[in-house]
Amino acid sequence: MGLNTTILAKPREPQGKNAARRLRASGQLPAIFYGRADQSQALTLDYAEFKTAFTRSDGAKTLFTLAIEGQAPQPVLLKDAQINPLSRKVAHVDFLKIDPEKPIVVLVPMNLVGKAAGVEKGGQLQQGERDIRVSGLPDKIPASIDVDVTNLALGQTMHLSQVQLPEGLSLDKTVDLPVAVVAVPKGLKIELDEAAKAAEPVAKAAASKKTAKNVKKETVRR
């Protein structure tokens, strides 16, 4: 799981934005570790090592073991990561100490798997929410959750409440947002509407014939 991925860190003295810029220029990454109560500690990480740990983590990308120089390793949640809008590189990260025996709430990415039945009929699969907020013990949090859309028919929508979660996890939601929908393309919708209209006279004729037949039977019985 993610807690098996260790991130090394060194204590540092907080010295403002200019010092943070110099750290980044030298290949370091400034960070803050929030421990118990209001206690916090400024840290320095090796950017390349952090990137490797984040990329290769075999568990959730938000859970790690933080090893601060001179301190015992401890489980943490990657609470926030500031991204430079120009370089798209991580500029600063915040870690929060967690208790491995207590549930936490985190966002986990969702992967749509399988070919939806509606796609076979010309529909277009569209993904709504890309992350799902779940609650569970830290060692139960996966890197991602696969969502099977095989049975999703043309025009159907799957919501968060319909996602099958791994054992040990529960959905933590406020709104039951759509996860995936098999949209009907405009051209295909026109074809379906025209086919439905063409079928109306036939259906009405069949219904009228059936009604007349039933009336005749009732007359004979009398």
C-alpha atoms as a PDB file:
ATOM      1  CA  MET A   1       0.000   0.000   0.000  1.00  0.00           C
ATOM      2  CA  GLY A   2       0.967   3.668  -0.076  1.00  0.00           C
ATOM      3  CA  LEU A   3       2.397   3.556   3.448  1.00  0.00           C
ATOM      4  CA  ASN A   4       5.100   1.213   2.158  1.00  0.00           C
ATOM      5  CA  THR A   5       6.489   4.104   0.100  1.00  0.00           C
ATOM      6  CA  THR A   6       8.917   6.161   2.189  1.00  0.00           C
ATOM      7  CA  ILE A   7       9.734   9.818   1.579  1.00  0.00           C
ATOM      8  CA  LEU A   8      12.934  11.171   3.120  1.00  0.00           C
ATOM      9  CA  ALA A   9      12.974  14.683   4.562  1.00  0.00           C
ATOM     10  CA  LYS A  10      15.250  17.051   6.454  1.00  0.00           C
ATOM     11  CA  PRO A  11      14.240  19.770   8.950  1.00  0.00           C
ATOM     12  CA  ARG A  12      14.738  23.363   7.826  1.00  0.00           C
ATOM     13  CA  GLU A  13      14.234  26.826   9.214  1.00  0.00           C
ATOM     14  CA  PRO A  14      11.303  28.652   7.570  1.00  0.00           C
ATOM     15  CA  GLN A  15      12.819  31.707   5.877  1.00  0.00           C
ATOM     16  CA  GLY A  16      10.178  33.036   3.498  1.00  0.00           C
ATOM     17  CA  LYS A  17       9.482  32.912  -0.247  1.00  0.00           C
ATOM     18  CA  ASN A  18      12.978  33.838  -1.405  1.00  0.00           C
ATOM     19  CA  ALA A  19      14.508  30.946   0.522  1.00  0.00           C
ATOM     20  CA  ALA A  20      11.871  28.611  -0.932  1.00  0.00           C
ATOM     21  CA  ARG A  21      12.758  29.767  -4.444  1.00  0.00           C
ATOM     22  CA  ARG A  22      16.439  29.071  -3.809  1.00  0.00           C
ATOM     23  CA  LEU A  23      15.576  25.594  -2.530  1.00  0.00           C
ATOM     24  CA  ARG A  24      13.593  24.816  -5.664  1.00  0.00           C
ATOM     25  CA  ALA A  25      16.369  26.185  -7.874  1.00  0.00           C
ATOM     26  CA  SER A  26      18.802  23.770  -6.195  1.00  0.00           C
ATOM     27  CA  GLY A  27      16.573  20.741  -6.802  1.00  0.00           C
ATOM     28  CA  GLN A  28      14.936  20.740  -3.367  1.00  0.00           C
ATOM     29  CA  LEU A  29      11.262  20.853  -2.493  1.00  0.00           C
ATOM     30  CA  PRO A  30       9.975  22.836   0.507  1.00  0.00           C
ATOM     31  CA  ALA A  31       7.358  21.102   2.641  1.00  0.00           C
ATOM     32  CA  ILE A  32       5.439  21.402   5.888  1.00  0.00           C
ATOM     33  CA  PHE A  33       4.630  18.545   8.257  1.00  0.00           C
ATOM     34  CA  TYR A  34       1.600  18.979  10.516  1.00  0.00           C
ATOM     35  CA  GLY A  35       1.784  16.769  13.577  1.00  0.00           C
ATOM     36  CA  ARG A  36      -0.388  16.778  16.652  1.00  0.00           C
ATOM     37  CA  ALA A  37      -2.591  19.755  17.530  1.00  0.00           C
ATOM     38  CA  ASP A  38      -1.184  22.960  16.010  1.00  0.00           C
ATOM     39  CA  GLN A  39       2.400  21.751  15.785  1.00  0.00           C
ATOM     40  CA  SER A  40       4.089  22.050  12.405  1.00  0.00           C
ATOM     41  CA  GLN A  41       7.609  21.571  11.091  1.00  0.00           C
ATOM     42  CA  ALA A  42       9.260  22.995   7.987  1.00  0.00           C
ATOM     43  CA  LEU A  43      10.992  20.379   5.844  1.00  0.00           C
ATOM     44  CA  THR A  44      13.140  19.994   2.772  1.00  0.00           C
ATOM     45  CA  LEU A  45      12.755  17.092   0.311  1.00  0.00           C
ATOM     46  CA  ASP A  46      14.847  16.065  -2.642  1.00  0.00           C
ATOM     47  CA  TYR A  47      12.569  16.877  -5.592  1.00  0.00           C
ATOM     48  CA  ALA A  48      13.708  13.965  -7.745  1.00  0.00           C
ATOM     49  CA  GLU A  49      13.268  11.492  -4.874  1.00  0.00           C
ATOM     50  CA  PHE A  50       9.805  12.843  -4.083  1.00  0.00           C
ATOM     51  CA  LYS A  51       8.743  12.613  -7.719  1.00  0.00           C
ATOM     52  CA  THR A  52       9.971   9.000  -7.916  1.00  0.00           C
ATOM     53  CA  ALA A  53       8.200   8.054  -4.672  1.00  0.00           C
ATOM     54  CA  PHE A  54       4.991   9.711  -5.813  1.00  0.00           C
ATOM     55  CA  THR A  55       5.095   8.090  -9.249  1.00  0.00           C
ATOM     56  CA  ARG A  56       6.066   4.597  -8.142  1.00  0.00           C
ATOM     57  CA  SER A  57       3.879   4.366  -5.046  1.00  0.00           C
ATOM     58  CA  ASP A  58       1.971   1.070  -5.217  1.00  0.00           C
ATOM     59  CA  GLY A  59      -0.811   2.441  -3.038  1.00  0.00           C
ATOM     60  CA  ALA A  60      -2.828   5.616  -2.864  1.00  0.00           C
ATOM     61  CA  LYS A  61      -0.886   8.626  -4.125  1.00  0.00           C
ATOM     62  CA  THR A  62      -1.803  10.507  -0.958  1.00  0.00           C
ATOM     63  CA  LEU A  63      -0.486   8.100   1.684  1.00  0.00           C
ATOM     64  CA  PHE A  64       3.192   7.733   2.552  1.00  0.00           C
ATOM     65  CA  THR A  65       5.622   7.022   5.343  1.00  0.00           C
ATOM     66  CA  LEU A  66       7.563  10.190   6.121  1.00  0.00           C
ATOM     67  CA  ALA A  67      11.089   9.694   7.426  1.00  0.00           C
ATOM     68  CA  ILE A  68      12.361  12.991   8.868  1.00  0.00           C
ATOM     69  CA  GLU A  69      16.072  13.002   9.641  1.00  0.00           C
ATOM     70  CA  GLY A  70      16.595  12.324  13.345  1.00  0.00           C
ATOM     71  CA  GLN A  71      12.988  11.194  13.926  1.00  0.00           C
ATOM     72  CA  ALA A  72      11.098   7.914  13.770  1.00  0.00           C
ATOM     73  CA  PRO A  73       9.234   7.278  10.468  1.00  0.00           C
ATOM     74  CA  GLN A  74       5.534   8.041  10.665  1.00  0.00           C
ATOM     75  CA  PRO A  75       2.465   7.582   8.444  1.00  0.00           C
ATOM     76  CA  VAL A  76       1.269  10.742   6.731  1.00  0.00           C
ATOM     77  CA  LEU A  77      -1.362  12.006   4.350  1.00  0.00           C
ATOM     78  CA  LEU A  78      -0.271  14.227   1.467  1.00  0.00           C
ATOM     79  CA  LYS A  79      -2.757  16.950   2.337  1.00  0.00           C
ATOM     80  CA  ASP A  80      -1.875  19.494  -0.324  1.00  0.00           C
ATOM     81  CA  ALA A  81       0.481  19.932  -3.263  1.00  0.00           C
ATOM     82  CA  GLN A  82       0.978  23.353  -4.832  1.00  0.00           C
ATOM     83  CA  ILE A  83       1.673  23.224  -8.559  1.00  0.00           C
ATOM     84  CA  ASN A  84       3.569  25.918 -10.485  1.00  0.00           C
ATOM     85  CA  PRO A  85       1.111  27.010 -13.230  1.00  0.00           C
ATOM     86  CA  LEU A  86       3.909  27.586 -15.749  1.00  0.00           C
ATOM     87  CA  SER A  87       6.296  24.674 -15.223  1.00  0.00           C
ATOM     88  CA  ARG A  88       3.569  22.315 -13.879  1.00  0.00           C
ATOM     89  CA  LYS A  89       6.105  21.142 -11.299  1.00  0.00           C
ATOM     90  CA  VAL A  90       5.266  20.635  -7.634  1.00  0.00           C
ATOM     91  CA  ALA A  91       6.312  23.777  -5.773  1.00  0.00           C
ATOM     92  CA  HIS A  92       5.353  22.911  -2.183  1.00  0.00           C
ATOM     93  CA  VAL A  93       3.709  20.045  -0.294  1.00  0.00           C
ATOM     94  CA  ASP A  94       1.942  19.656   3.040  1.00  0.00           C
ATOM     95  CA  PHE A  95       1.947  16.411   5.035  1.00  0.00           C
ATOM     96  CA  LEU A  96      -0.501  15.564   7.818  1.00  0.00           C
ATOM     97  CA  LYS A  97       0.203  12.926  10.470  1.00  0.00           C
ATOM     98  CA  ILE A  98      -2.425  10.150  10.560  1.00  0.00           C
ATOM     99  CA  ASP A  99      -3.301   7.260  12.844  1.00  0.00           C
ATOM    100  CA  PRO A 100      -3.085   3.901  10.973  1.00  0.00           C
ATOM    101  CA  GLU A 101      -5.846   2.538  13.248  1.00  0.00           C
ATOM    102  CA  LYS A 102      -8.363   5.264  12.423  1.00  0.00           C
ATOM    103  CA  PRO A 103     -10.351   5.735   9.179  1.00  0.00           C
ATOM    104  CA  ILE A 104      -9.455   8.647   6.938  1.00  0.00           C
ATOM    105  CA  VAL A 105     -11.317  10.317   4.085  1.00  0.00           C
ATOM    106  CA  VAL A 106      -9.438  10.726   0.809  1.00  0.00           C
ATOM    107  CA  LEU A 107     -10.048  11.252  -2.891  1.00  0.00           C
ATOM    108  CA  VAL A 108      -9.181   8.222  -5.021  1.00  0.00           C
ATOM    109  CA  PRO A 109      -9.004   8.302  -8.859  1.00  0.00           C
ATOM    110  CA  MET A 110     -11.535   6.214 -10.807  1.00  0.00           C
ATOM    111  CA  ASN A 111     -10.806   4.218 -13.973  1.00  0.00           C
ATOM    112  CA  LEU A 112     -13.663   3.273 -16.300  1.00  0.00           C
ATOM    113  CA  VAL A 113     -13.170  -0.322 -17.471  1.00  0.00           C
ATOM    114  CA  GLY A 114     -15.056  -2.503 -19.964  1.00  0.00           C
ATOM    115  CA  LYS A 115     -16.957  -1.550 -23.127  1.00  0.00           C
ATOM    116  CA  ALA A 116     -20.385  -0.153 -22.367  1.00  0.00           C
ATOM    117  CA  ALA A 117     -23.330  -1.912 -24.043  1.00  0.00           C
ATOM    118  CA  GLY A 118     -24.558   1.472 -25.276  1.00  0.00           C
ATOM    119  CA  VAL A 119     -21.272   2.114 -27.089  1.00  0.00           C
ATOM    120  CA  GLU A 120     -21.877  -1.046 -29.117  1.00  0.00           C
ATOM    121  CA  LYS A 121     -25.075   0.644 -30.364  1.00  0.00           C
ATOM    122  CA  GLY A 122     -23.389   3.879 -31.364  1.00  0.00           C
ATOM    123  CA  GLY A 123     -23.335   5.788 -28.081  1.00  0.00           C
ATOM    124  CA  GLN A 124     -20.394   7.748 -26.711  1.00  0.00           C
ATOM    125  CA  LEU A 125     -19.025   6.965 -23.246  1.00  0.00           C
ATOM    126  CA  GLN A 126     -18.331  10.122 -21.258  1.00  0.00           C
ATOM    127  CA  GLN A 127     -16.753  10.283 -17.789  1.00  0.00           C
ATOM    128  CA  GLY A 128     -18.172  12.694 -15.229  1.00  0.00           C
ATOM    129  CA  GLU A 129     -16.473  12.574 -11.838  1.00  0.00           C
ATOM    130  CA  ARG A 130     -12.876  11.375 -12.033  1.00  0.00           C
ATOM    131  CA  ASP A 131     -12.276  10.955  -8.303  1.00  0.00           C
ATOM    132  CA  ILE A 132     -14.346   9.351  -5.586  1.00  0.00           C
ATOM    133  CA  ARG A 133     -14.242  10.408  -1.933  1.00  0.00           C
ATOM    134  CA  VAL A 134     -14.002   7.315   0.251  1.00  0.00           C
ATOM    135  CA  SER A 135     -13.531   6.520   3.923  1.00  0.00           C
ATOM    136  CA  GLY A 136     -11.439   3.647   5.249  1.00  0.00           C
ATOM    137  CA  LEU A 137      -8.360   2.620   7.188  1.00  0.00           C
ATOM    138  CA  PRO A 138      -5.113   3.907   5.635  1.00  0.00           C
ATOM    139  CA  ASP A 139      -3.925   0.419   4.616  1.00  0.00           C
ATOM    140  CA  LYS A 140      -7.228  -0.164   2.751  1.00  0.00           C
ATOM    141  CA  ILE A 141      -6.961   2.883   0.500  1.00  0.00           C
ATOM    142  CA  PRO A 142      -6.051   1.808  -3.094  1.00  0.00           C
ATOM    143  CA  ALA A 143      -4.180   3.785  -5.728  1.00  0.00           C
ATOM    144  CA  SER A 144      -7.319   3.832  -7.882  1.00  0.00           C
ATOM    145  CA  ILE A 145     -10.724   2.212  -8.198  1.00  0.00           C
ATOM    146  CA  ASP A 146     -11.889   0.432 -11.363  1.00  0.00           C
ATOM    147  CA  VAL A 147     -15.501   1.105 -12.349  1.00  0.00           C
ATOM    148  CA  ASP A 148     -17.107  -1.506 -14.637  1.00  0.00           C
ATOM    149  CA  VAL A 149     -19.354   0.165 -17.231  1.00  0.00           C
ATOM    150  CA  THR A 150     -20.038  -2.948 -19.325  1.00  0.00           C
ATOM    151  CA  ASN A 151     -23.774  -2.978 -18.575  1.00  0.00           C
ATOM    152  CA  LEU A 152     -24.307   0.746 -19.141  1.00  0.00           C
ATOM    153  CA  ALA A 153     -26.925   1.040 -21.891  1.00  0.00           C
ATOM    154  CA  LEU A 154     -27.509   3.776 -24.445  1.00  0.00           C
ATOM    155  CA  GLY A 155     -28.588   6.963 -22.671  1.00  0.00           C
ATOM    156  CA  GLN A 156     -27.956   5.530 -19.193  1.00  0.00           C
ATOM    157  CA  THR A 157     -26.012   7.262 -16.425  1.00  0.00           C
ATOM    158  CA  MET A 158     -24.024   5.717 -13.570  1.00  0.00           C
ATOM    159  CA  HIS A 159     -23.779   7.648 -10.291  1.00  0.00           C
ATOM    160  CA  LEU A 160     -21.349   7.553  -7.381  1.00  0.00           C
ATOM    161  CA  SER A 161     -23.744   5.469  -5.296  1.00  0.00           C
ATOM    162  CA  GLN A 162     -23.613   2.710  -7.934  1.00  0.00           C
ATOM    163  CA  VAL A 163     -19.830   2.270  -7.810  1.00  0.00           C
ATOM    164  CA  GLN A 164     -18.734  -1.065  -6.338  1.00  0.00           C
ATOM    165  CA  LEU A 165     -16.112  -0.232  -3.715  1.00  0.00           C
ATOM    166  CA  PRO A 166     -13.313  -2.563  -2.543  1.00  0.00           C
ATOM    167  CA  GLU A 167     -13.817  -4.279   0.800  1.00  0.00           C
ATOM    168  CA  GLY A 168     -13.141  -2.025   3.767  1.00  0.00           C
ATOM    169  CA  LEU A 169     -14.145   1.209   2.024  1.00  0.00           C
ATOM    170  CA  SER A 170     -17.335   3.245   2.206  1.00  0.00           C
ATOM    171  CA  LEU A 171     -18.553   6.128   0.101  1.00  0.00           C
ATOM    172  CA  ASP A 172     -18.198   9.564   1.662  1.00  0.00           C
ATOM    173  CA  LYS A 173     -20.397  11.848  -0.393  1.00  0.00           C
ATOM    174  CA  THR A 174     -22.641  14.873  -0.184  1.00  0.00           C
ATOM    175  CA  VAL A 175     -24.108  14.762  -3.713  1.00  0.00           C
ATOM    176  CA  ASP A 176     -24.703  11.639  -5.830  1.00  0.00           C
ATOM    177  CA  LEU A 177     -22.863  12.942  -8.891  1.00  0.00           C
ATOM    178  CA  PRO A 178     -22.683  11.151 -12.265  1.00  0.00           C
ATOM    179  CA  VAL A 179     -19.612   9.012 -12.889  1.00  0.00           C
ATOM    180  CA  ALA A 180     -20.259   7.924 -16.471  1.00  0.00           C
ATOM    181  CA  VAL A 181     -22.915   8.321 -19.136  1.00  0.00           C
ATOM    182  CA  VAL A 182     -23.426   6.752 -22.556  1.00  0.00           C
ATOM    183  CA  ALA A 183     -24.458   9.826 -24.507  1.00  0.00           C
ATOM    184  CA  VAL A 184     -26.560   9.561 -27.656  1.00  0.00           C
ATOM    185  CA  PRO A 185     -24.866  11.483 -30.526  1.00  0.00           C
ATOM    186  CA  LYS A 186     -27.093  14.015 -32.305  1.00  0.00           C
ATOM    187  CA  GLY A 187     -27.080  12.094 -35.591  1.00  0.00           C
ATOM    188  CA  LEU A 188     -27.957   8.828 -33.878  1.00  0.00           C
ATOM    189  CA  LYS A 189     -30.690  10.542 -31.834  1.00  0.00           C
ATOM    190  CA  ILE A 190     -32.317  11.770 -35.048  1.00  0.00           C
ATOM    191  CA  GLU A 191     -32.219   8.235 -36.466  1.00  0.00           C
ATOM    192  CA  LEU A 192     -33.765   6.806 -33.301  1.00  0.00           C
ATOM    193  CA  ASP A 193     -36.471   9.483 -33.266  1.00  0.00           C
ATOM    194  CA  GLU A 194     -37.290   8.868 -36.942  1.00  0.00           C
ATOM    195  CA  ALA A 195     -37.398   5.109 -36.352  1.00  0.00           C
ATOM    196  CA  ALA A 196     -39.725   5.630 -33.399  1.00  0.00           C
ATOM    197  CA  LYS A 197     -42.011   7.879 -35.472  1.00  0.00           C
ATOM    198  CA  ALA A 198     -42.039   5.365 -38.321  1.00  0.00           C
ATOM    199  CA  ALA A 199     -43.014   2.640 -35.880  1.00  0.00           C
ATOM    200  CA  GLU A 200     -45.932   4.643 -34.417  1.00  0.00           C
ATOM    201  CA  PRO A 201     -48.476   3.960 -37.233  1.00  0.00           C
ATOM    202  CA  VAL A 202     -47.640   0.252 -37.166  1.00  0.00           C
ATOM    203  CA  ALA A 203     -47.992   0.121 -33.395  1.00  0.00           C
ATOM    204  CA  LYS A 204     -51.306   2.039 -33.518  1.00  0.00           C
ATOM    205  CA  ALA A 205     -52.654  -0.220 -36.257  1.00  0.00           C
ATOM    206  CA  ALA A 206     -51.705  -3.304 -34.273  1.00  0.00           C
ATOM    207  CA  ALA A 207     -53.343  -1.860 -31.163  1.00  0.00           C
ATOM    208  CA  SER A 208     -56.536  -0.992 -33.075  1.00  0.00           C
ATOM    209  CA  LYS A 209     -56.663  -4.460 -34.610  1.00  0.00           C
ATOM    210  CA  LYS A 210     -56.232  -6.054 -31.195  1.00  0.00           C
ATOM    211  CA  THR A 211     -58.985  -3.841 -29.727  1.00  0.00           C
ATOM    212  CA  ALA A 212     -61.379  -4.683 -32.566  1.00  0.00           C
ATOM    213  CA  LYS A 213     -60.673  -8.381 -32.138  1.00  0.00           C
ATOM    214  CA  ASN A 214     -61.387  -8.168 -28.406  1.00  0.00           C
ATOM    215  CA  VAL A 215     -64.672  -6.305 -29.068  1.00  0.00           C
ATOM    216  CA  LYS A 216     -65.749  -8.960 -31.567  1.00  0.00           C
ATOM    217  CA  LYS A 217     -65.017 -11.748 -29.065  1.00  0.00           C
ATOM    218  CA  GLU A 218     -67.022  -9.930 -26.387  1.00  0.00           C
ATOM    219  CA  THR A 219     -69.967  -9.501 -28.816  1.00  0.00           C
ATOM    220  CA  VAL A 220     -69.977 -13.202 -29.677  1.00  0.00           C
ATOM    221  CA  ARG A 221     -69.974 -14.159 -25.991  1.00  0.00           C
ATOM    222  CA  ARG A 222     -73.039 -12.037 -25.364  1.00  0.00           C
END
